[in-house]
Amino acid sequence: MKQYLFSARAARLLIRSTVNAANDEEAQNGFVKNLNEGKFSVQEENLYTPRLVFVTYEELGNGTTKVDIGETSVGVQVGTTGVGTR
């Protein structure tokens, strides 16, 4: 069983809910169920596009998100190029 964090942004609101599920598809269905049952938190925020709704989700490791904030100097390339030229 995995834990997922869903975030939905619409109408100046950030809606968040955590879901326990075996895979991504079950997690999406679980998110809809949580919305219908009122199992979510809501915060006001400034990110707002009137005609769009943004829904994202991520798999949580041990119930927490991981952000690797490191330091680097100017001009350092991170990762590999997706498109190259000859």
PDB file of N, CA and C in Angstrom:
ATOM      1  N   MET A   1       0.846  -1.171   0.000  1.00  0.00           N
ATOM      2  CA  MET A   1       0.000   0.000   0.000  1.00  0.00           C
ATOM      3  C   MET A   1       0.894   1.238   0.000  1.00  0.00           C
ATOM      4  N   LYS A   2       0.562   2.185  -0.865  1.00  0.00           N
ATOM      5  CA  LYS A   2       1.317   3.432  -0.983  1.00  0.00           C
ATOM      6  C   LYS A   2       0.451   4.587  -0.514  1.00  0.00           C
ATOM      7  N   GLN A   3       1.113   5.679  -0.150  1.00  0.00           N
ATOM      8  CA  GLN A   3       0.380   6.882   0.240  1.00  0.00           C
ATOM      9  C   GLN A   3       0.642   7.972  -0.795  1.00  0.00           C
ATOM     10  N   TYR A   4      -0.418   8.673  -1.196  1.00  0.00           N
ATOM     11  CA  TYR A   4      -0.341   9.708  -2.216  1.00  0.00           C
ATOM     12  C   TYR A   4      -0.868  11.024  -1.649  1.00  0.00           C
ATOM     13  N   LEU A   5      -0.260  12.125  -2.081  1.00  0.00           N
ATOM     14  CA  LEU A   5      -0.751  13.456  -1.752  1.00  0.00           C
ATOM     15  C   LEU A   5      -1.310  14.074  -3.024  1.00  0.00           C
ATOM     16  N   PHE A   6      -2.588  14.420  -3.011  1.00  0.00           N
ATOM     17  CA  PHE A   6      -3.248  15.078  -4.136  1.00  0.00           C
ATOM     18  C   PHE A   6      -3.401  16.559  -3.822  1.00  0.00           C
ATOM     19  N   SER A   7      -3.146  17.396  -4.822  1.00  0.00           N
ATOM     20  CA  SER A   7      -3.355  18.838  -4.708  1.00  0.00           C
ATOM     21  C   SER A   7      -4.166  19.295  -5.915  1.00  0.00           C
ATOM     22  N   ALA A   8      -5.228  20.031  -5.649  1.00  0.00           N
ATOM     23  CA  ALA A   8      -6.054  20.593  -6.716  1.00  0.00           C
ATOM     24  C   ALA A   8      -6.114  22.098  -6.508  1.00  0.00           C
ATOM     25  N   ARG A   9      -5.899  22.846  -7.593  1.00  0.00           N
ATOM     26  CA  ARG A   9      -5.937  24.305  -7.527  1.00  0.00           C
ATOM     27  C   ARG A   9      -7.027  24.818  -8.458  1.00  0.00           C
ATOM     28  N   ALA A  10      -7.931  25.619  -7.903  1.00  0.00           N
ATOM     29  CA  ALA A  10      -9.004  26.224  -8.688  1.00  0.00           C
ATOM     30  C   ALA A  10      -9.630  27.352  -7.880  1.00  0.00           C
ATOM     31  N   ALA A  11     -10.048  28.400  -8.563  1.00  0.00           N
ATOM     32  CA  ALA A  11     -10.797  29.503  -7.933  1.00  0.00           C
ATOM     33  C   ALA A  11     -10.117  30.042  -6.678  1.00  0.00           C
ATOM     34  N   ARG A  12      -8.822  30.242  -6.750  1.00  0.00           N
ATOM     35  CA  ARG A  12      -8.014  30.747  -5.629  1.00  0.00           C
ATOM     36  C   ARG A  12      -8.000  29.838  -4.411  1.00  0.00           C
ATOM     37  N   LEU A  13      -8.235  28.550  -4.626  1.00  0.00           N
ATOM     38  CA  LEU A  13      -8.204  27.588  -3.527  1.00  0.00           C
ATOM     39  C   LEU A  13      -7.200  26.481  -3.815  1.00  0.00           C
ATOM     40  N   LEU A  14      -6.538  26.029  -2.771  1.00  0.00           N
ATOM     41  CA  LEU A  14      -5.675  24.852  -2.834  1.00  0.00           C
ATOM     42  C   LEU A  14      -6.350  23.784  -1.985  1.00  0.00           C
ATOM     43  N   ILE A  15      -6.715  22.695  -2.638  1.00  0.00           N
ATOM     44  CA  ILE A  15      -7.402  21.590  -1.974  1.00  0.00           C
ATOM     45  C   ILE A  15      -6.428  20.421  -1.903  1.00  0.00           C
ATOM     46  N   ARG A  16      -6.208  19.883  -0.705  1.00  0.00           N
ATOM     47  CA  ARG A  16      -5.260  18.776  -0.529  1.00  0.00           C
ATOM     48  C   ARG A  16      -5.921  17.610   0.187  1.00  0.00           C
ATOM     49  N   SER A  17      -5.492  16.413  -0.219  1.00  0.00           N
ATOM     50  CA  SER A  17      -6.003  15.207   0.413  1.00  0.00           C
ATOM     51  C   SER A  17      -4.968  14.097   0.258  1.00  0.00           C
ATOM     52  N   THR A  18      -4.824  13.267   1.278  1.00  0.00           N
ATOM     53  CA  THR A  18      -3.940  12.110   1.187  1.00  0.00           C
ATOM     54  C   THR A  18      -4.785  10.860   0.995  1.00  0.00           C
ATOM     55  N   VAL A  19      -4.234   9.943   0.218  1.00  0.00           N
ATOM     56  CA  VAL A  19      -4.946   8.718  -0.143  1.00  0.00           C
ATOM     57  C   VAL A  19      -4.005   7.532   0.015  1.00  0.00           C
ATOM     58  N   ASN A  20      -4.475   6.444   0.580  1.00  0.00           N
ATOM     59  CA  ASN A  20      -3.729   5.190   0.622  1.00  0.00           C
ATOM     60  C   ASN A  20      -4.296   4.270  -0.451  1.00  0.00           C
ATOM     61  N   ALA A  21      -3.418   3.766  -1.329  1.00  0.00           N
ATOM     62  CA  ALA A  21      -3.883   2.920  -2.428  1.00  0.00           C
ATOM     63  C   ALA A  21      -2.735   2.041  -2.918  1.00  0.00           C
ATOM     64  N   ALA A  22      -3.092   0.989  -3.636  1.00  0.00           N
ATOM     65  CA  ALA A  22      -2.097   0.046  -4.159  1.00  0.00           C
ATOM     66  C   ALA A  22      -1.406   0.572  -5.414  1.00  0.00           C
ATOM     67  N   ASN A  23      -2.102   1.435  -6.196  1.00  0.00           N
ATOM     68  CA  ASN A  23      -1.503   1.949  -7.439  1.00  0.00           C
ATOM     69  C   ASN A  23      -2.115   3.314  -7.773  1.00  0.00           C
ATOM     70  N   ASP A  24      -1.614   3.926  -8.847  1.00  0.00           N
ATOM     71  CA  ASP A  24      -2.051   5.271  -9.226  1.00  0.00           C
ATOM     72  C   ASP A  24      -3.545   5.343  -9.539  1.00  0.00           C
ATOM     73  N   GLU A  25      -4.057   4.356 -10.247  1.00  0.00           N
ATOM     74  CA  GLU A  25      -5.472   4.384 -10.634  1.00  0.00           C
ATOM     75  C   GLU A  25      -6.383   4.319  -9.410  1.00  0.00           C
ATOM     76  N   GLU A  26      -6.066   3.440  -8.471  1.00  0.00           N
ATOM     77  CA  GLU A  26      -6.853   3.352  -7.243  1.00  0.00           C
ATOM     78  C   GLU A  26      -6.732   4.637  -6.428  1.00  0.00           C
ATOM     79  N   ALA A  27      -5.554   5.258  -6.468  1.00  0.00           N
ATOM     80  CA  ALA A  27      -5.346   6.513  -5.745  1.00  0.00           C
ATOM     81  C   ALA A  27      -6.231   7.616  -6.317  1.00  0.00           C
ATOM     82  N   GLN A  28      -6.330   7.685  -7.633  1.00  0.00           N
ATOM     83  CA  GLN A  28      -7.189   8.696  -8.257  1.00  0.00           C
ATOM     84  C   GLN A  28      -8.649   8.493  -7.853  1.00  0.00           C
ATOM     85  N   ASN A  29      -9.098   7.259  -7.865  1.00  0.00           N
ATOM     86  CA  ASN A  29     -10.470   6.963  -7.432  1.00  0.00           C
ATOM     87  C   ASN A  29     -10.661   7.302  -5.953  1.00  0.00           C
ATOM     88  N   GLY A  30      -9.640   7.040  -5.157  1.00  0.00           N
ATOM     89  CA  GLY A  30      -9.693   7.373  -3.739  1.00  0.00           C
ATOM     90  C   GLY A  30      -9.763   8.876  -3.500  1.00  0.00           C
ATOM     91  N   PHE A  31      -9.087   9.647  -4.347  1.00  0.00           N
ATOM     92  CA  PHE A  31      -9.143  11.099  -4.231  1.00  0.00           C
ATOM     93  C   PHE A  31     -10.563  11.604  -4.494  1.00  0.00           C
ATOM     94  N   VAL A  32     -11.203  11.085  -5.518  1.00  0.00           N
ATOM     95  CA  VAL A  32     -12.591  11.461  -5.819  1.00  0.00           C
ATOM     96  C   VAL A  32     -13.499  11.102  -4.641  1.00  0.00           C
ATOM     97  N   LYS A  33     -13.279   9.920  -4.072  1.00  0.00           N
ATOM     98  CA  LYS A  33     -14.070   9.489  -2.917  1.00  0.00           C
ATOM     99  C   LYS A  33     -13.867  10.447  -1.736  1.00  0.00           C
ATOM    100  N   ASN A  34     -12.609  10.824  -1.480  1.00  0.00           N
ATOM    101  CA  ASN A  34     -12.318  11.766  -0.395  1.00  0.00           C
ATOM    102  C   ASN A  34     -13.010  13.101  -0.618  1.00  0.00           C
ATOM    103  N   LEU A  35     -13.018  13.576  -1.864  1.00  0.00           N
ATOM    104  CA  LEU A  35     -13.697  14.840  -2.159  1.00  0.00           C
ATOM    105  C   LEU A  35     -15.186  14.733  -1.854  1.00  0.00           C
ATOM    106  N   ASN A  36     -15.795  13.637  -2.274  1.00  0.00           N
ATOM    107  CA  ASN A  36     -17.226  13.438  -2.038  1.00  0.00           C
ATOM    108  C   ASN A  36     -17.564  13.313  -0.556  1.00  0.00           C
ATOM    109  N   GLU A  37     -16.620  12.801   0.236  1.00  0.00           N
ATOM    110  CA  GLU A  37     -16.853  12.596   1.673  1.00  0.00           C
ATOM    111  C   GLU A  37     -16.354  13.761   2.523  1.00  0.00           C
ATOM    112  N   GLY A  38     -15.799  14.789   1.888  1.00  0.00           N
ATOM    113  CA  GLY A  38     -15.311  15.953   2.633  1.00  0.00           C
ATOM    114  C   GLY A  38     -14.004  15.725   3.360  1.00  0.00           C
ATOM    115  N   LYS A  39     -13.220  14.734   2.948  1.00  0.00           N
ATOM    116  CA  LYS A  39     -11.947  14.422   3.603  1.00  0.00           C
ATOM    117  C   LYS A  39     -10.804  15.133   2.874  1.00  0.00           C
ATOM    118  N   PHE A  40     -10.739  16.456   3.051  1.00  0.00           N
ATOM    119  CA  PHE A  40      -9.694  17.250   2.414  1.00  0.00           C
ATOM    120  C   PHE A  40      -9.520  18.553   3.186  1.00  0.00           C
ATOM    121  N   SER A  41      -8.405  19.231   2.930  1.00  0.00           N
ATOM    122  CA  SER A  41      -8.174  20.543   3.530  1.00  0.00           C
ATOM    123  C   SER A  41      -8.200  21.591   2.422  1.00  0.00           C
ATOM    124  N   VAL A  42      -8.552  22.810   2.791  1.00  0.00           N
ATOM    125  CA  VAL A  42      -8.653  23.899   1.827  1.00  0.00           C
ATOM    126  C   VAL A  42      -7.890  25.103   2.359  1.00  0.00           C
ATOM    127  N   GLN A  43      -7.100  25.718   1.473  1.00  0.00           N
ATOM    128  CA  GLN A  43      -6.388  26.955   1.790  1.00  0.00           C
ATOM    129  C   GLN A  43      -6.617  27.932   0.649  1.00  0.00           C
ATOM    130  N   GLU A  44      -6.686  29.216   0.967  1.00  0.00           N
ATOM    131  CA  GLU A  44      -6.728  30.224  -0.071  1.00  0.00           C
ATOM    132  C   GLU A  44      -5.311  30.477  -0.556  1.00  0.00           C
ATOM    133  N   GLU A  45      -5.171  30.743  -1.864  1.00  0.00           N
ATOM    134  CA  GLU A  45      -3.859  31.072  -2.410  1.00  0.00           C
ATOM    135  C   GLU A  45      -4.023  31.991  -3.609  1.00  0.00           C
ATOM    136  N   ASN A  46      -2.927  32.599  -4.017  1.00  0.00           N
ATOM    137  CA  ASN A  46      -2.975  33.586  -5.091  1.00  0.00           C
ATOM    138  C   ASN A  46      -2.864  32.984  -6.482  1.00  0.00           C
ATOM    139  N   LEU A  47      -2.409  31.765  -6.623  1.00  0.00           N
ATOM    140  CA  LEU A  47      -2.305  31.138  -7.934  1.00  0.00           C
ATOM    141  C   LEU A  47      -3.714  30.898  -8.451  1.00  0.00           C
ATOM    142  N   TYR A  48      -4.041  31.555  -9.545  1.00  0.00           N
ATOM    143  CA  TYR A  48      -5.420  31.479 -10.011  1.00  0.00           C
ATOM    144  C   TYR A  48      -5.473  31.691 -11.512  1.00  0.00           C
ATOM    145  N   THR A  49      -6.057  30.769 -12.219  1.00  0.00           N
ATOM    146  CA  THR A  49      -6.341  30.890 -13.636  1.00  0.00           C
ATOM    147  C   THR A  49      -7.821  30.544 -13.786  1.00  0.00           C
ATOM    148  N   PRO A  50      -8.655  31.528 -14.106  1.00  0.00           N
ATOM    149  CA  PRO A  50     -10.108  31.337 -14.061  1.00  0.00           C
ATOM    150  C   PRO A  50     -10.644  30.133 -14.839  1.00  0.00           C
ATOM    151  N   ARG A  51     -10.059  29.817 -15.978  1.00  0.00           N
ATOM    152  CA  ARG A  51     -10.629  28.760 -16.809  1.00  0.00           C
ATOM    153  C   ARG A  51      -9.952  27.406 -16.635  1.00  0.00           C
ATOM    154  N   LEU A  52      -8.985  27.320 -15.738  1.00  0.00           N
ATOM    155  CA  LEU A  52      -8.239  26.075 -15.589  1.00  0.00           C
ATOM    156  C   LEU A  52      -8.299  25.538 -14.166  1.00  0.00           C
ATOM    157  N   VAL A  53      -8.253  24.229 -14.054  1.00  0.00           N
ATOM    158  CA  VAL A  53      -8.133  23.543 -12.770  1.00  0.00           C
ATOM    159  C   VAL A  53      -6.875  22.678 -12.865  1.00  0.00           C
ATOM    160  N   PHE A  54      -6.019  22.768 -11.876  1.00  0.00           N
ATOM    161  CA  PHE A  54      -4.793  21.982 -11.845  1.00  0.00           C
ATOM    162  C   PHE A  54      -4.918  20.908 -10.779  1.00  0.00           C
ATOM    163  N   VAL A  55      -4.687  19.654 -11.154  1.00  0.00           N
ATOM    164  CA  VAL A  55      -4.696  18.549 -10.193  1.00  0.00           C
ATOM    165  C   VAL A  55      -3.380  17.803 -10.349  1.00  0.00           C
ATOM    166  N   THR A  56      -2.645  17.681  -9.261  1.00  0.00           N
ATOM    167  CA  THR A  56      -1.386  16.939  -9.275  1.00  0.00           C
ATOM    168  C   THR A  56      -1.401  15.941  -8.123  1.00  0.00           C
ATOM    169  N   TYR A  57      -0.580  14.912  -8.247  1.00  0.00           N
ATOM    170  CA  TYR A  57      -0.420  13.981  -7.136  1.00  0.00           C
ATOM    171  C   TYR A  57       0.990  13.439  -7.131  1.00  0.00           C
ATOM    172  N   GLU A  58       1.420  13.027  -5.958  1.00  0.00           N
ATOM    173  CA  GLU A  58       2.752  12.463  -5.799  1.00  0.00           C
ATOM    174  C   GLU A  58       2.696  11.333  -4.788  1.00  0.00           C
ATOM    175  N   GLU A  59       3.551  10.364  -4.997  1.00  0.00           N
ATOM    176  CA  GLU A  59       3.656   9.260  -4.049  1.00  0.00           C
ATOM    177  C   GLU A  59       4.544   9.711  -2.906  1.00  0.00           C
ATOM    178  N   LEU A  60       4.088   9.507  -1.691  1.00  0.00           N
ATOM    179  CA  LEU A  60       4.834   9.916  -0.516  1.00  0.00           C
ATOM    180  C   LEU A  60       5.679   8.759  -0.004  1.00  0.00           C
ATOM    181  N   GLY A  61       6.870   9.069   0.445  1.00  0.00           N
ATOM    182  CA  GLY A  61       7.737   8.080   1.077  1.00  0.00           C
ATOM    183  C   GLY A  61       7.655   8.250   2.578  1.00  0.00           C
ATOM    184  N   ASN A  62       7.212   7.267   3.301  1.00  0.00           N
ATOM    185  CA  ASN A  62       7.070   7.320   4.762  1.00  0.00           C
ATOM    186  C   ASN A  62       6.155   8.448   5.200  1.00  0.00           C
ATOM    187  N   GLY A  63       5.170   8.790   4.368  1.00  0.00           N
ATOM    188  CA  GLY A  63       4.198   9.805   4.739  1.00  0.00           C
ATOM    189  C   GLY A  63       4.684  11.231   4.620  1.00  0.00           C
ATOM    190  N   THR A  64       5.839  11.445   3.992  1.00  0.00           N
ATOM    191  CA  THR A  64       6.353  12.802   3.837  1.00  0.00           C
ATOM    192  C   THR A  64       6.806  13.016   2.403  1.00  0.00           C
ATOM    193  N   THR A  65       6.849  14.277   1.987  1.00  0.00           N
ATOM    194  CA  THR A  65       7.395  14.602   0.677  1.00  0.00           C
ATOM    195  C   THR A  65       8.885  14.826   0.823  1.00  0.00           C
ATOM    196  N   LYS A  66       9.620  14.640  -0.267  1.00  0.00           N
ATOM    197  CA  LYS A  66      11.062  14.842  -0.238  1.00  0.00           C
ATOM    198  C   LYS A  66      11.418  15.964  -1.199  1.00  0.00           C
ATOM    199  N   VAL A  67      12.136  16.936  -0.694  1.00  0.00           N
ATOM    200  CA  VAL A  67      12.652  17.998  -1.541  1.00  0.00           C
ATOM    201  C   VAL A  67      14.134  18.080  -1.261  1.00  0.00           C
ATOM    202  N   ASP A  68      14.933  17.949  -2.298  1.00  0.00           N
ATOM    203  CA  ASP A  68      16.382  18.031  -2.145  1.00  0.00           C
ATOM    204  C   ASP A  68      16.821  19.422  -2.554  1.00  0.00           C
ATOM    205  N   ILE A  69      17.036  20.281  -1.575  1.00  0.00           N
ATOM    206  CA  ILE A  69      17.464  21.644  -1.854  1.00  0.00           C
ATOM    207  C   ILE A  69      18.965  21.698  -1.622  1.00  0.00           C
ATOM    208  N   GLY A  70      19.691  21.701  -2.709  1.00  0.00           N
ATOM    209  CA  GLY A  70      21.136  21.774  -2.616  1.00  0.00           C
ATOM    210  C   GLY A  70      21.623  23.092  -3.187  1.00  0.00           C
ATOM    211  N   GLU A  71      22.899  23.342  -3.066  1.00  0.00           N
ATOM    212  CA  GLU A  71      23.473  24.559  -3.604  1.00  0.00           C
ATOM    213  C   GLU A  71      24.390  24.205  -4.756  1.00  0.00           C
ATOM    214  N   THR A  72      24.444  25.096  -5.718  1.00  0.00           N
ATOM    215  CA  THR A  72      25.336  24.923  -6.851  1.00  0.00           C
ATOM    216  C   THR A  72      25.803  26.294  -7.306  1.00  0.00           C
ATOM    217  N   SER A  73      26.870  26.325  -8.059  1.00  0.00           N
ATOM    218  CA  SER A  73      27.372  27.600  -8.541  1.00  0.00           C
ATOM    219  C   SER A  73      26.737  27.941  -9.886  1.00  0.00           C
ATOM    220  N   VAL A  74      26.845  29.191 -10.276  1.00  0.00           N
ATOM    221  CA  VAL A  74      26.287  29.651 -11.540  1.00  0.00           C
ATOM    222  C   VAL A  74      26.979  28.937 -12.690  1.00  0.00           C
ATOM    223  N   GLY A  75      26.186  28.483 -13.679  1.00  0.00           N
ATOM    224  CA  GLY A  75      26.745  27.867 -14.873  1.00  0.00           C
ATOM    225  C   GLY A  75      26.861  26.356 -14.812  1.00  0.00           C
ATOM    226  N   VAL A  76      26.522  25.750 -13.702  1.00  0.00           N
ATOM    227  CA  VAL A  76      26.600  24.300 -13.583  1.00  0.00           C
ATOM    228  C   VAL A  76      25.375  23.694 -14.246  1.00  0.00           C
ATOM    229  N   GLN A  77      25.595  22.712 -15.120  1.00  0.00           N
ATOM    230  CA  GLN A  77      24.490  22.051 -15.808  1.00  0.00           C
ATOM    231  C   GLN A  77      24.018  20.875 -14.964  1.00  0.00           C
ATOM    232  N   VAL A  78      22.707  20.774 -14.814  1.00  0.00           N
ATOM    233  CA  VAL A  78      22.118  19.697 -14.042  1.00  0.00           C
ATOM    234  C   VAL A  78      21.382  18.773 -14.991  1.00  0.00           C
ATOM    235  N   GLY A  79      21.598  17.484 -14.889  1.00  0.00           N
ATOM    236  CA  GLY A  79      20.900  16.525 -15.742  1.00  0.00           C
ATOM    237  C   GLY A  79      21.523  16.428 -17.120  1.00  0.00           C
ATOM    238  N   THR A  80      20.786  15.788 -18.023  1.00  0.00           N
ATOM    239  CA  THR A  80      21.267  15.621 -19.400  1.00  0.00           C
ATOM    240  C   THR A  80      20.324  16.339 -20.352  1.00  0.00           C
ATOM    241  N   THR A  81      20.836  16.671 -21.509  1.00  0.00           N
ATOM    242  CA  THR A  81      20.064  17.372 -22.511  1.00  0.00           C
ATOM    243  C   THR A  81      19.051  16.441 -23.146  1.00  0.00           C
ATOM    244  N   GLY A  82      17.799  16.862 -23.270  1.00  0.00           N
ATOM    245  CA  GLY A  82      16.769  16.057 -23.880  1.00  0.00           C
ATOM    246  C   GLY A  82      16.813  16.113 -25.403  1.00  0.00           C
ATOM    247  N   VAL A  83      17.232  17.262 -25.928  1.00  0.00           N
ATOM    248  CA  VAL A  83      17.329  17.455 -27.377  1.00  0.00           C
ATOM    249  C   VAL A  83      18.715  17.985 -27.669  1.00  0.00           C
ATOM    250  N   GLY A  84      19.387  17.354 -28.586  1.00  0.00           N
ATOM    251  CA  GLY A  84      20.743  17.806 -28.928  1.00  0.00           C
ATOM    252  C   GLY A  84      20.787  18.353 -30.348  1.00  0.00           C
ATOM    253  N   THR A  85      21.826  19.097 -30.634  1.00  0.00           N
ATOM    254  CA  THR A  85      22.048  19.630 -31.979  1.00  0.00           C
ATOM    255  C   THR A  85      23.371  19.103 -32.501  1.00  0.00           C
ATOM    256  N   ARG A  86      23.487  19.074 -33.801  1.00  0.00           N
ATOM    257  CA  ARG A  86      24.747  18.613 -34.401  1.00  0.00           C
ATOM    258  C   ARG A  86      25.404  19.709 -35.164  1.00  0.00           C
TER     259      ARG A  86
END
